[in-house]
C-alpha atoms as a PDB file:
ATOM      1  CA  MET A   1       0.015   0.005   0.030  1.00  0.00           C
ATOM      2  CA  SER A   2       1.564   3.366  -1.109  1.00  0.00           C
ATOM      3  CA  ARG A   3       0.402   6.579   0.473  1.00  0.00           C
ATOM      4  CA  LYS A   4       3.701   8.411  -0.432  1.00  0.00           C
ATOM      5  CA  LEU A   5       4.195   9.511   3.132  1.00  0.00           C
ATOM      6  CA  THR A   6       7.445   9.873   4.911  1.00  0.00           C
ATOM      7  CA  LEU A   7       8.212   8.175   8.175  1.00  0.00           C
ATOM      8  CA  ARG A   8       7.992  11.603   9.952  1.00  0.00           C
ATOM      9  CA  GLU A   9       4.578  12.186   8.461  1.00  0.00           C
ATOM     10  CA  VAL A  10       3.283   8.847   9.532  1.00  0.00           C
ATOM     11  CA  GLU A  11       4.763   9.466  12.994  1.00  0.00           C
ATOM     12  CA  THR A  12       3.052  12.724  13.295  1.00  0.00           C
ATOM     13  CA  ARG A  13      -0.259  11.347  12.276  1.00  0.00           C
ATOM     14  CA  SER A  14      -0.080   8.159  14.263  1.00  0.00           C
ATOM     15  CA  GLY A  15       2.116   8.901  17.377  1.00  0.00           C
ATOM     16  CA  VAL A  16       4.213   5.813  16.651  1.00  0.00           C
ATOM     17  CA  SER A  17       7.928   6.883  16.360  1.00  0.00           C
ATOM     18  CA  ALA A  18       9.741   6.931  13.108  1.00  0.00           C
ATOM     19  CA  THR A  19      12.387   4.612  14.486  1.00  0.00           C
ATOM     20  CA  HIS A  20       9.652   2.031  15.380  1.00  0.00           C
ATOM     21  CA  LEU A  21       8.107   2.507  12.059  1.00  0.00           C
ATOM     22  CA  SER A  22      11.451   1.704  10.448  1.00  0.00           C
ATOM     23  CA  GLU A  23      11.896  -1.453  12.349  1.00  0.00           C
ATOM     24  CA  ILE A  24       8.355  -2.649  11.418  1.00  0.00           C
ATOM     25  CA  GLU A  25       8.992  -1.858   7.744  1.00  0.00           C
ATOM     26  CA  ARG A  26      12.282  -3.937   7.829  1.00  0.00           C
ATOM     27  CA  GLY A  27      10.653  -6.865   9.715  1.00  0.00           C
ATOM     28  CA  ARG A  28      12.738  -6.438  12.793  1.00  0.00           C
ATOM     29  CA  THR A  29       9.847  -5.930  15.143  1.00  0.00           C
ATOM     30  CA  SER A  30       6.025  -6.216  14.942  1.00  0.00           C
ATOM     31  CA  PRO A  31       3.658  -3.557  16.175  1.00  0.00           C
ATOM     32  CA  THR A  32       1.552  -3.789  19.137  1.00  0.00           C
ATOM     33  CA  VAL A  33      -2.227  -3.896  18.600  1.00  0.00           C
ATOM     34  CA  GLY A  34      -2.529  -0.262  19.840  1.00  0.00           C
ATOM     35  CA  ALA A  35       0.321   0.905  17.432  1.00  0.00           C
ATOM     36  CA  LEU A  36      -1.475  -1.122  14.586  1.00  0.00           C
ATOM     37  CA  ILE A  37      -4.616   0.659  15.197  1.00  0.00           C
ATOM     38  CA  ARG A  38      -2.992   4.185  15.414  1.00  0.00           C
ATOM     39  CA  LEU A  39      -1.173   3.355  12.146  1.00  0.00           C
ATOM     40  CA  ALA A  40      -4.422   2.234  10.494  1.00  0.00           C
ATOM     41  CA  ARG A  41      -6.150   5.482  11.454  1.00  0.00           C
ATOM     42  CA  ALA A  42      -3.294   7.594  10.304  1.00  0.00           C
ATOM     43  CA  LEU A  43      -3.257   5.954   6.866  1.00  0.00           C
ATOM     44  CA  GLY A  44      -7.123   5.860   6.690  1.00  0.00           C
ATOM     45  CA  VAL A  45      -7.512   2.123   6.397  1.00  0.00           C
ATOM     46  CA  ASP A  46      -9.094  -0.756   8.231  1.00  0.00           C
ATOM     47  CA  PRO A  47      -6.603  -2.320  10.487  1.00  0.00           C
ATOM     48  CA  ALA A  48      -6.932  -5.609   8.750  1.00  0.00           C
ATOM     49  CA  ARG A  49      -5.462  -4.122   5.590  1.00  0.00           C
ATOM     50  CA  LEU A  50      -2.096  -3.821   7.480  1.00  0.00           C
ATOM     51  CA  VAL A  51      -1.965  -7.506   8.419  1.00  0.00           C
ATOM     52  CA  GLU A  52      -4.150  -9.569   6.104  1.00  0.00           C
ATOM     53  CA  ALA A  53      -2.660 -10.543   2.761  1.00  0.00           C
ATOM     54  CA  ASP A  54      -5.482 -12.457   1.526  1.00  0.00           C
ATOM     55  CA  THR A  55      -9.040 -11.357   0.909  1.00  0.00           C
ATOM     56  CA  ALA A  56     -11.273 -12.229   3.888  1.00  0.00           C
ATOM     57  CA  PRO A  57     -13.950 -15.073   3.435  1.00  0.00           C
ATOM     58  CA  ARG A  58     -17.534 -14.131   3.351  1.00  0.00           C
ATOM     59  CA  ALA A  59     -18.252 -16.050   6.617  1.00  0.00           C
ATOM     60  CA  SER A  60     -16.129 -17.288   9.563  1.00  0.00           C
ATOM     61  CA  VAL A  61     -16.773 -20.143  11.995  1.00  0.00           C
ATOM     62  CA  VAL A  62     -14.398 -20.241  15.090  1.00  0.00           C
ATOM     63  CA  ARG A  63     -14.574 -23.202  17.295  1.00  0.00           C
ATOM     64  CA  ALA A  64     -13.810 -22.864  21.056  1.00  0.00           C
ATOM     65  CA  GLY A  65     -10.530 -24.398  20.812  1.00  0.00           C
ATOM     66  CA  GLU A  66      -9.516 -22.221  17.722  1.00  0.00           C
ATOM     67  CA  ARG A  67      -9.792 -18.867  19.616  1.00  0.00           C
ATOM     68  CA  ARG A  68      -6.851 -16.562  19.375  1.00  0.00           C
ATOM     69  CA  MET A  69      -5.958 -14.975  22.612  1.00  0.00           C
ATOM     70  CA  PHE A  70      -4.070 -11.665  23.254  1.00  0.00           C
ATOM     71  CA  VAL A  71      -3.115 -10.068  26.543  1.00  0.00           C
ATOM     72  CA  GLU A  72      -2.447  -6.400  26.978  1.00  0.00           C
ATOM     73  CA  ASN A  73      -2.494  -4.385  30.343  1.00  0.00           C
ATOM     74  CA  GLY A  74      -4.235  -7.110  32.225  1.00  0.00           C
ATOM     75  CA  PHE A  75      -6.862  -7.495  29.534  1.00  0.00           C
ATOM     76  CA  ALA A  76      -7.207 -10.961  27.903  1.00  0.00           C
ATOM     77  CA  PHE A  77      -8.892 -10.812  24.519  1.00  0.00           C
ATOM     78  CA  HIS A  78     -10.394 -14.017  23.150  1.00  0.00           C
ATOM     79  CA  ARG A  79     -11.222 -13.497  19.473  1.00  0.00           C
ATOM     80  CA  LEU A  80     -14.874 -14.821  18.699  1.00  0.00           C
ATOM     81  CA  SER A  81     -14.532 -14.220  15.053  1.00  0.00           C
ATOM     82  CA  ARG A  82     -12.123 -13.842  12.246  1.00  0.00           C
ATOM     83  CA  PRO A  83     -12.341 -10.964   9.764  1.00  0.00           C
ATOM     84  CA  VAL A  84     -15.090 -11.415   7.049  1.00  0.00           C
ATOM     85  CA  ALA A  85     -15.431  -9.711   3.803  1.00  0.00           C
ATOM     86  CA  ASP A  86     -17.771  -6.647   3.809  1.00  0.00           C
ATOM     87  CA  ALA A  87     -17.766  -6.499   7.684  1.00  0.00           C
ATOM     88  CA  ASP A  88     -16.503  -3.883   9.879  1.00  0.00           C
ATOM     89  CA  MET A  89     -16.760  -5.357  13.336  1.00  0.00           C
ATOM     90  CA  SER A  90     -14.697  -7.549  15.682  1.00  0.00           C
ATOM     91  CA  LEU A  91     -16.299  -9.607  18.557  1.00  0.00           C
ATOM     92  CA  PHE A  92     -14.285 -10.520  21.731  1.00  0.00           C
ATOM     93  CA  GLU A  93     -14.749 -12.173  25.049  1.00  0.00           C
ATOM     94  CA  VAL A  94     -12.630 -10.054  27.480  1.00  0.00           C
ATOM     95  CA  GLU A  95     -11.248 -11.044  30.854  1.00  0.00           C
ATOM     96  CA  VAL A  96     -10.321  -7.954  32.842  1.00  0.00           C
ATOM     97  CA  THR A  97      -8.132  -8.427  35.849  1.00  0.00           C
ATOM     98  CA  ALA A  98      -8.616  -6.422  39.064  1.00  0.00           C
ATOM     99  CA  SER A  99      -5.491  -4.017  38.290  1.00  0.00           C
ATOM    100  CA  ALA A 100      -5.998  -3.799  34.584  1.00  0.00           C
ATOM    101  CA  GLU A 101      -5.625  -0.470  32.672  1.00  0.00           C
ATOM    102  CA  SER A 102      -7.669  -0.215  29.601  1.00  0.00           C
ATOM    103  CA  PRO A 103      -5.560  -0.777  26.433  1.00  0.00           C
ATOM    104  CA  ASP A 104      -6.024   1.098  23.104  1.00  0.00           C
ATOM    105  CA  VAL A 105      -7.602  -1.707  21.238  1.00  0.00           C
ATOM    106  CA  LEU A 106     -10.692  -0.904  23.582  1.00  0.00           C
ATOM    107  CA  VAL A 107     -10.816   2.743  24.335  1.00  0.00           C
ATOM    108  CA  GLY A 108      -9.323   3.859  21.144  1.00  0.00           C
ATOM    109  CA  ALA A 109     -11.208   1.500  18.795  1.00  0.00           C
ATOM    110  CA  GLY A 110     -13.853   3.719  17.520  1.00  0.00           C
ATOM    111  CA  GLU A 111     -17.474   2.461  18.016  1.00  0.00           C
ATOM    112  CA  LEU A 112     -17.600   0.107  21.101  1.00  0.00           C
ATOM    113  CA  PHE A 113     -20.217  -2.150  22.725  1.00  0.00           C
ATOM    114  CA  VAL A 114     -19.527  -3.710  25.911  1.00  0.00           C
ATOM    115  CA  PHE A 115     -21.800  -6.362  27.863  1.00  0.00           C
ATOM    116  CA  VAL A 116     -20.916  -7.625  31.329  1.00  0.00           C
ATOM    117  CA  LEU A 117     -21.038 -11.187  31.486  1.00  0.00           C
ATOM    118  CA  ARG A 118     -19.617 -11.479  35.186  1.00  0.00           C
ATOM    119  CA  GLY A 119     -18.246  -9.022  37.751  1.00  0.00           C
ATOM    120  CA  SER A 120     -18.287  -5.214  37.251  1.00  0.00           C
ATOM    121  CA  VAL A 121     -16.323  -2.705  35.347  1.00  0.00           C
ATOM    122  CA  GLU A 122     -16.168   1.133  35.708  1.00  0.00           C
ATOM    123  CA  VAL A 123     -15.991   2.897  32.286  1.00  0.00           C
ATOM    124  CA  THR A 124     -14.949   6.604  31.888  1.00  0.00           C
ATOM    125  CA  LEU A 125     -16.968   8.145  29.041  1.00  0.00           C
ATOM    126  CA  VAL A 126     -15.743  11.015  26.812  1.00  0.00           C
ATOM    127  CA  ASP A 127     -17.676  13.581  28.795  1.00  0.00           C
ATOM    128  CA  ALA A 128     -15.717  12.436  32.034  1.00  0.00           C
ATOM    129  CA  ARG A 129     -18.773  10.590  33.474  1.00  0.00           C
ATOM    130  CA  ARG A 130     -17.729   7.416  35.167  1.00  0.00           C
ATOM    131  CA  VAL A 131     -20.346   4.593  35.090  1.00  0.00           C
ATOM    132  CA  VAL A 132     -20.248   1.350  36.892  1.00  0.00           C
ATOM    133  CA  LEU A 133     -21.516  -1.429  34.781  1.00  0.00           C
ATOM    134  CA  GLU A 134     -22.699  -4.671  36.694  1.00  0.00           C
ATOM    135  CA  GLU A 135     -23.396  -8.231  35.473  1.00  0.00           C
ATOM    136  CA  GLY A 136     -26.107  -7.915  32.605  1.00  0.00           C
ATOM    137  CA  ASP A 137     -25.379  -4.185  31.979  1.00  0.00           C
ATOM    138  CA  ALA A 138     -24.307  -2.817  28.619  1.00  0.00           C
ATOM    139  CA  CYS A 139     -22.566   0.331  27.311  1.00  0.00           C
ATOM    140  CA  HIS A 140     -22.473   1.421  23.620  1.00  0.00           C
ATOM    141  CA  THR A 141     -20.426   4.313  22.507  1.00  0.00           C
ATOM    142  CA  GLY A 142     -19.762   5.887  19.264  1.00  0.00           C
ATOM    143  CA  ARG A 143     -16.238   6.741  17.820  1.00  0.00           C
ATOM    144  CA  ASP A 144     -13.885   7.660  20.774  1.00  0.00           C
ATOM    145  CA  GLY A 145     -16.781   7.686  23.199  1.00  0.00           C
ATOM    146  CA  MET A 146     -15.067   5.675  25.934  1.00  0.00           C
ATOM    147  CA  ARG A 147     -11.827   6.956  27.640  1.00  0.00           C
ATOM    148  CA  ALA A 148     -11.003   4.296  30.169  1.00  0.00           C
ATOM    149  CA  MET A 149     -12.270   0.898  31.635  1.00  0.00           C
ATOM    150  CA  ARG A 150     -11.134  -0.979  34.744  1.00  0.00           C
ATOM    151  CA  ALA A 151     -12.496  -3.876  36.864  1.00  0.00           C
ATOM    152  CA  VAL A 152     -13.951  -2.781  40.221  1.00  0.00           C
ATOM    153  CA  SER A 153     -14.539  -4.443  43.567  1.00  0.00           C
ATOM    154  CA  GLY A 154     -11.148  -6.201  43.350  1.00  0.00           C
ATOM    155  CA  ALA A 155     -12.477  -9.172  41.466  1.00  0.00           C
ATOM    156  CA  PRO A 156     -11.933  -9.983  37.638  1.00  0.00           C
ATOM    157  CA  ALA A 157     -14.683  -9.235  35.155  1.00  0.00           C
ATOM    158  CA  ARG A 158     -15.727 -11.059  31.998  1.00  0.00           C
ATOM    159  CA  LEU A 159     -17.158  -8.927  29.110  1.00  0.00           C
ATOM    160  CA  LEU A 160     -18.616  -9.472  25.562  1.00  0.00           C
ATOM    161  CA  CYS A 161     -17.275  -6.694  23.417  1.00  0.00           C
ATOM    162  CA  ALA A 162     -17.957  -5.632  19.710  1.00  0.00           C
ATOM    163  CA  ALA A 163     -15.639  -3.021  18.083  1.00  0.00           C
ATOM    164  CA  ALA A 164     -15.955  -1.271  14.803  1.00  0.00           C
ATOM    165  CA  PRO A 165     -13.833  -0.714  12.779  1.00  0.00           C
ATOM    166  CA  ALA A 166     -12.597  -4.341  13.076  1.00  0.00           C
ATOM    167  CA  VAL A 167      -9.622  -4.985  15.266  1.00  0.00           C
ATOM    168  CA  ILE A 168      -7.030  -7.586  14.176  1.00  0.00           C
ATOM    169  CA  LEU A 169      -5.335  -9.584  17.013  1.00  0.00           C
END
C-alpha cells in the first residue's frame, strides 16, 4: 500500500515513532495492537489491511478451541470471529483483571459495545462521566466515546465486546 508519506509524516499522524516504524518496515519488530490501530487510522485504512494479505472469506466459524488470545495491560482478549468480507466489526470475550488499565484496542477502537457477563467494570466516558456496569449491563459508545475501563470491587470481570472498525489480533 503506497500513500507516499514519509516516516516523519506517519509518525506525526499516528504517534508511533519513526524509529519504530522503520523497524516494523524492515521486519525487525512487530507493532502492538495499539500501534497497529493508530497506524491504520493515520493511513485511513481498516487495521485488517495492514496484516491480512488475502481477501477475507464471506463467513467465519471459530470453534472454542481455535480462538486466538491476546493479553494487553491485564485485559485478555479471546477473539470470537475472524475478519469476514464486507464487515467492519470484531467480537471478543474479554477477561479484565482487578488491576488492569484499559488498552488502546478498547478505548481507542472507535465504536464500542460492552456487555458485562460477570463481575463489574467502571467505564469513563468522553464527557468524563464514570459509570459502573454490573453483570447484565451494557454500554454502547460512538467513535472515541470511551476513555477508560477498569474492573471494580477487586474481582476480575468478563465482558462481551464488539468493536468497529474491526480490530485484528
